[in-house]
Structures are given as C-alpha cells and as structure tokens.
Amino acid sequence: MNGGPGMPVTAAPGAPRLADAVGEEPVGRILTENAGRAFGVECR
C-alpha cells in the first residue's frame, strides 16, 4: 500500500447504491473504463 488503499477501498462501498440509482452498466463503465483511462495516462 505504497500509494494508499486505492480505488477498491474508496469506490467499491458506494457502488451498490449507485447501481441501484443509475443501473449496473453505467457504474461498470465509471469504475472500470473511465478509471482505466484516467489512471492510464502518462505523467510528464
């Protein structure tokens, strides 16, 4: 845990409530595709 607990600890607990509100598909995109793009950028 060099950089902290990360996404599973911060986002996962709220995922079921969010999925109840907006649906499973958008939540999956938010937590996987969008996060992957955000954390996959190369820092200069």
C-alpha atoms as a PDB file:
ATOM      1  CA  MET A   1       0.000   0.000   0.000  1.00  0.00           C
ATOM      2  CA  ASN A   2       2.677   2.424  -1.021  1.00  0.00           C
ATOM      3  CA  GLY A   3       0.260   4.949  -2.504  1.00  0.00           C
ATOM      4  CA  GLY A   4      -2.732   4.276  -0.263  1.00  0.00           C
ATOM      5  CA  PRO A   5      -5.635   1.822  -0.433  1.00  0.00           C
ATOM      6  CA  GLY A   6      -6.731   2.797  -3.953  1.00  0.00           C
ATOM      7  CA  MET A   7      -9.993   2.553  -5.862  1.00  0.00           C
ATOM      8  CA  PRO A   8     -11.370  -0.686  -4.370  1.00  0.00           C
ATOM      9  CA  VAL A   9     -11.482   0.832  -0.904  1.00  0.00           C
ATOM     10  CA  THR A  10     -12.707   4.262  -1.932  1.00  0.00           C
ATOM     11  CA  ALA A  11     -15.234   3.474  -4.683  1.00  0.00           C
ATOM     12  CA  ALA A  12     -16.439  -0.093  -4.098  1.00  0.00           C
ATOM     13  CA  PRO A  13     -18.506   0.539  -0.952  1.00  0.00           C
ATOM     14  CA  GLY A  14     -20.738   3.042  -2.778  1.00  0.00           C
ATOM     15  CA  ALA A  15     -21.091   1.011  -5.974  1.00  0.00           C
ATOM     16  CA  PRO A  16     -24.217  -0.970  -4.971  1.00  0.00           C
ATOM     17  CA  ARG A  17     -26.127   2.176  -4.008  1.00  0.00           C
ATOM     18  CA  LEU A  18     -25.048   3.909  -7.184  1.00  0.00           C
ATOM     19  CA  ALA A  19     -26.060   0.866  -9.253  1.00  0.00           C
ATOM     20  CA  ASP A  20     -29.499   0.925  -7.625  1.00  0.00           C
ATOM     21  CA  ALA A  21     -29.861   4.556  -8.656  1.00  0.00           C
ATOM     22  CA  VAL A  22     -28.491   4.542 -12.218  1.00  0.00           C
ATOM     23  CA  GLY A  23     -28.066   0.886 -13.215  1.00  0.00           C
ATOM     24  CA  GLU A  24     -25.252  -1.631 -13.390  1.00  0.00           C
ATOM     25  CA  GLU A  25     -23.931  -0.703 -16.842  1.00  0.00           C
ATOM     26  CA  PRO A  26     -23.057   2.952 -16.134  1.00  0.00           C
ATOM     27  CA  VAL A  27     -21.472   2.021 -12.813  1.00  0.00           C
ATOM     28  CA  GLY A  28     -19.334  -0.613 -14.516  1.00  0.00           C
ATOM     29  CA  ARG A  29     -18.157   1.951 -17.053  1.00  0.00           C
ATOM     30  CA  ILE A  30     -17.411   4.510 -14.349  1.00  0.00           C
ATOM     31  CA  LEU A  31     -15.414   2.103 -12.194  1.00  0.00           C
ATOM     32  CA  THR A  32     -13.546   0.307 -14.978  1.00  0.00           C
ATOM     33  CA  GLU A  33     -13.383   2.088 -18.336  1.00  0.00           C
ATOM     34  CA  ASN A  34     -13.283   5.669 -17.098  1.00  0.00           C
ATOM     35  CA  ALA A  35     -10.950   4.855 -14.222  1.00  0.00           C
ATOM     36  CA  GLY A  36      -8.690   2.897 -16.562  1.00  0.00           C
ATOM     37  CA  ARG A  37      -8.395   5.857 -18.898  1.00  0.00           C
ATOM     38  CA  ALA A  38      -7.830   8.280 -16.031  1.00  0.00           C
ATOM     39  CA  PHE A  39      -5.096   6.217 -14.397  1.00  0.00           C
ATOM     40  CA  GLY A  40      -3.585   5.068 -17.678  1.00  0.00           C
ATOM     41  CA  VAL A  41      -2.334   8.478 -18.744  1.00  0.00           C
ATOM     42  CA  GLU A  42       1.361   9.093 -18.897  1.00  0.00           C
ATOM     43  CA  CYS A  43       2.549  11.759 -16.473  1.00  0.00           C
ATOM     44  CA  ARG A  44       5.225  14.118 -17.693  1.00  0.00           C
END
